[in-house]
Protein backbone atom coordinates (compact mmCIF):
# COMPACT_ATOMS: atom_id res chain seq x y z
CA MET A 1 -8.60 7.36 -10.11
CA GLN A 2 -4.88 7.32 -9.38
CA MET A 3 -4.05 5.01 -6.50
CA LEU A 4 -0.84 4.40 -4.63
CA ILE A 5 -0.72 1.03 -2.92
CA LEU A 6 1.95 1.43 -0.26
CA ASP A 7 3.75 -0.86 2.14
CA PHE A 8 6.66 -0.14 4.46
CA GLU A 9 8.91 -2.57 6.25
CA GLY A 10 10.36 -1.14 9.42
CA CYS A 11 8.98 0.37 12.59
CA HIS A 12 8.40 3.77 14.18
CA SER A 13 11.40 3.52 16.52
CA LYS A 14 13.93 2.26 13.95
CA GLY A 15 12.43 3.80 10.84
CA ILE A 16 11.58 2.57 7.38
CA ARG A 17 14.01 0.14 5.81
CA GLU A 18 12.06 -0.85 2.70
CA ILE A 19 9.30 0.70 0.58
CA GLY A 20 6.99 -1.10 -1.81
CA ALA A 21 4.80 1.02 -4.07
CA VAL A 22 2.30 0.01 -6.74
CA PHE A 23 0.91 2.90 -8.78
CA THR A 24 -2.35 2.42 -10.64
CA GLN A 25 -4.75 4.26 -12.86
CA GLY A 26 -8.03 2.71 -11.86
CA ILE A 27 -6.94 -0.85 -11.29
CA LYS A 28 -4.34 -0.97 -14.09
CA ILE A 29 -0.76 -0.95 -12.82
CA THR A 30 1.21 1.97 -14.23
CA LYS A 31 4.42 1.67 -12.21
CA ILE A 32 5.98 -0.52 -9.53
CA LYS A 33 8.82 0.49 -7.19
CA GLU A 34 10.81 -1.53 -4.68
CA LEU A 35 13.24 0.58 -2.67
CA SER A 36 15.62 -0.09 0.18
CA VAL A 37 16.30 2.81 2.54
CA ASP A 38 19.40 3.16 4.68
CA ASN A 39 18.99 6.53 6.44
CA VAL A 40 16.50 9.29 7.24
CA GLY A 41 17.66 11.59 4.44
CA THR A 42 17.37 8.87 1.82
CA CYS A 43 13.95 7.91 3.15
CA ARG A 44 12.61 11.48 2.93
CA LYS A 45 13.99 11.92 -0.58
CA THR A 46 12.59 8.57 -1.73
CA LEU A 47 9.15 9.23 -0.25
CA SER A 48 9.07 12.69 -1.83
CA GLN A 49 9.84 11.15 -5.22
CA ILE A 50 7.12 8.54 -4.78
CA LEU A 51 4.53 11.09 -3.68
CA VAL A 52 5.25 13.69 -6.37
CA SER A 53 2.52 12.05 -8.45
CA SER A 54 -0.07 13.20 -5.85
CA PRO A 55 -2.19 10.06 -5.81
CA GLU A 56 -5.91 10.50 -5.35
CA LEU A 57 -6.09 7.51 -3.00
CA PHE A 58 -3.60 5.75 -0.74
CA VAL A 59 -4.19 2.04 -0.17
CA SER A 60 -2.58 -0.13 2.50
CA HIS A 61 -3.25 -3.16 4.61
CA ASN A 62 -3.69 -1.73 8.11
CA ILE A 63 -3.33 1.93 7.15
CA GLN A 64 -2.40 3.20 10.59
CA ILE A 65 1.13 1.79 10.28
CA GLU A 66 1.80 3.41 6.89
CA LYS A 67 0.10 6.67 7.94
CA ASN A 68 2.23 6.98 11.07
CA LEU A 69 5.50 6.18 9.31
CA LEU A 70 4.67 8.52 6.45
CA LYS A 71 3.92 11.36 8.88
CA LYS A 72 7.19 10.69 10.70
CA TYR A 73 9.25 11.29 7.55
CA LEU A 74 7.03 13.75 5.69
CA PRO A 75 4.79 15.48 8.23
CA TYR A 76 2.80 17.48 5.68
CA PRO A 77 2.05 16.80 2.05
CA PRO A 78 3.44 19.26 -0.46
CA ILE A 79 0.16 19.33 -2.41
CA ILE A 80 -3.25 17.81 -1.89
CA LYS A 81 -5.59 18.52 -4.77
CA ASP A 82 -8.62 20.60 -3.81
CA LYS A 83 -8.14 20.13 -0.07
CA ASP A 84 -7.12 22.35 2.79
CA SER A 85 -5.67 19.57 4.93
CA HIS A 86 -2.54 18.53 6.74
CA GLU A 87 -3.15 14.83 6.39
CA TRP A 88 -1.99 12.31 3.86
CA GLY A 89 -4.93 10.66 2.23
CA PRO A 90 -7.64 9.73 1.65
CA TRP A 91 -6.97 6.06 2.49
CA LEU A 92 -8.48 2.68 1.75
CA ASP A 93 -7.66 0.00 4.32
CA THR A 94 -7.92 -3.59 3.10
CA ILE A 95 -8.29 -4.89 6.67
CA LYS A 96 -11.42 -2.76 7.16
CA LEU A 97 -12.65 -3.70 3.69
CA TYR A 98 -12.29 -7.46 4.20
CA LYS A 99 -13.54 -7.45 7.82
CA THR A 100 -16.70 -5.73 6.62
CA LEU A 101 -17.28 -7.90 3.56
CA TYR A 102 -16.13 -11.21 5.09
CA PRO A 103 -17.03 -11.01 8.80
CA ASP A 104 -16.79 -14.78 9.34
CA LEU A 105 -13.10 -15.13 8.51
CA LYS A 106 -10.92 -16.15 11.45
CA LYS A 107 -7.90 -14.03 10.47
CA TYR A 108 -7.40 -10.84 8.49
CA GLU A 109 -3.61 -10.78 8.29
CA LEU A 110 -2.30 -10.19 4.80
CA SER A 111 -0.89 -13.71 4.59
CA SER A 112 -4.27 -15.22 5.51
CA LEU A 113 -6.19 -13.14 2.99
CA LYS A 114 -3.59 -13.99 0.35
CA ASP A 115 -4.03 -17.72 0.95
CA ILE A 116 -7.82 -17.47 0.74
CA PHE A 117 -8.29 -15.04 -2.16
CA ILE A 118 -5.22 -14.37 -4.32
CA LYS A 119 -2.70 -17.18 -3.95
CA ASP A 120 -2.28 -17.95 -7.66
CA GLU A 121 -2.29 -14.31 -8.79
CA ILE A 122 0.38 -13.19 -6.32
CA GLU A 123 2.71 -15.99 -7.37
CA ILE A 124 2.57 -14.78 -10.97
CA LEU A 125 2.94 -11.09 -10.08
CA SER A 126 5.72 -11.58 -7.52
CA THR A 127 7.73 -13.75 -9.92
CA LYS A 128 7.56 -10.94 -12.47
CA TYR A 129 8.34 -7.95 -10.20
CA CYS A 130 9.99 -8.97 -6.90
CA THR A 131 13.73 -9.20 -6.49
CA LYS A 132 14.82 -12.82 -6.23
CA GLY A 133 14.24 -14.12 -2.71
CA LYS A 134 11.79 -11.34 -1.81
CA GLY A 135 8.61 -12.88 -3.17
CA LYS A 136 7.19 -13.51 0.30
CA HIS A 137 5.50 -11.68 3.15
CA HIS A 138 7.32 -8.99 5.11
CA ASN A 139 8.95 -7.71 1.97
CA ALA A 140 7.48 -4.34 1.09
CA LEU A 141 6.84 -4.82 -2.61
CA TYR A 142 5.36 -8.30 -2.16
CA ASP A 143 3.00 -7.01 0.53
CA ALA A 144 2.04 -3.99 -1.60
CA MET A 145 1.26 -6.31 -4.51
CA CYS A 146 -0.88 -8.54 -2.26
CA THR A 147 -2.79 -5.45 -1.14
CA TYR A 148 -3.22 -4.38 -4.77
CA LEU A 149 -4.61 -7.80 -5.73
CA LEU A 150 -7.04 -7.77 -2.80
CA VAL A 151 -8.41 -4.43 -4.02
CA LYS A 152 -8.38 -5.50 -7.67
CA ARG A 153 -10.57 -8.56 -7.01
CA LEU A 154 -13.30 -6.31 -5.54
CA TYR A 155 -12.83 -3.22 -7.71
CA SER A 156 -15.68 -3.82 -10.13
CA LYS A 157 -17.89 -5.73 -7.67
CA ILE A 158 -18.48 -3.14 -4.94
CA ASP A 159 -18.40 0.61 -4.41
CA LEU A 160 -15.00 1.12 -2.77
CA ASN A 161 -15.85 4.78 -2.06
CA SER A 162 -17.89 3.77 0.96
CA PHE A 163 -14.71 2.32 2.53
CA ILE A 164 -12.47 5.33 1.98
CA GLN A 165 -11.29 7.09 5.13
């Protein structure tokens, strides 16, 4: 399955300023992109280039944020394989996944889950791929890589299909 793990930095009112994208085939990384965006036109063009691969599954931590920002810039997907739909997706939300599997945790923020489950792995991955100084939370690629690692650690242990929205 082709997955696109996606994270945006920005907000609905001011727009997207940074995009982090991790492309996978199954759980193997095939491509990583870290992009800064300075205007609406650049954002639309960049998102179109990222989404040309037509991923089978979008993955984010708290999908509603990415879904809403994606719809703001690209209201309808150019192609969705075998679907008659005007939605981006399907989606896998790591907040929903971890709240369901670990109901006794006190916090489900990305930084909290990172500290509990993937602290060593993200340090290695971020050192390899993040621009110097951006290997920390609230940088799009770093957050996308954290989300990727959270999915990767469960990929062969559970049926992720039951969490897809």
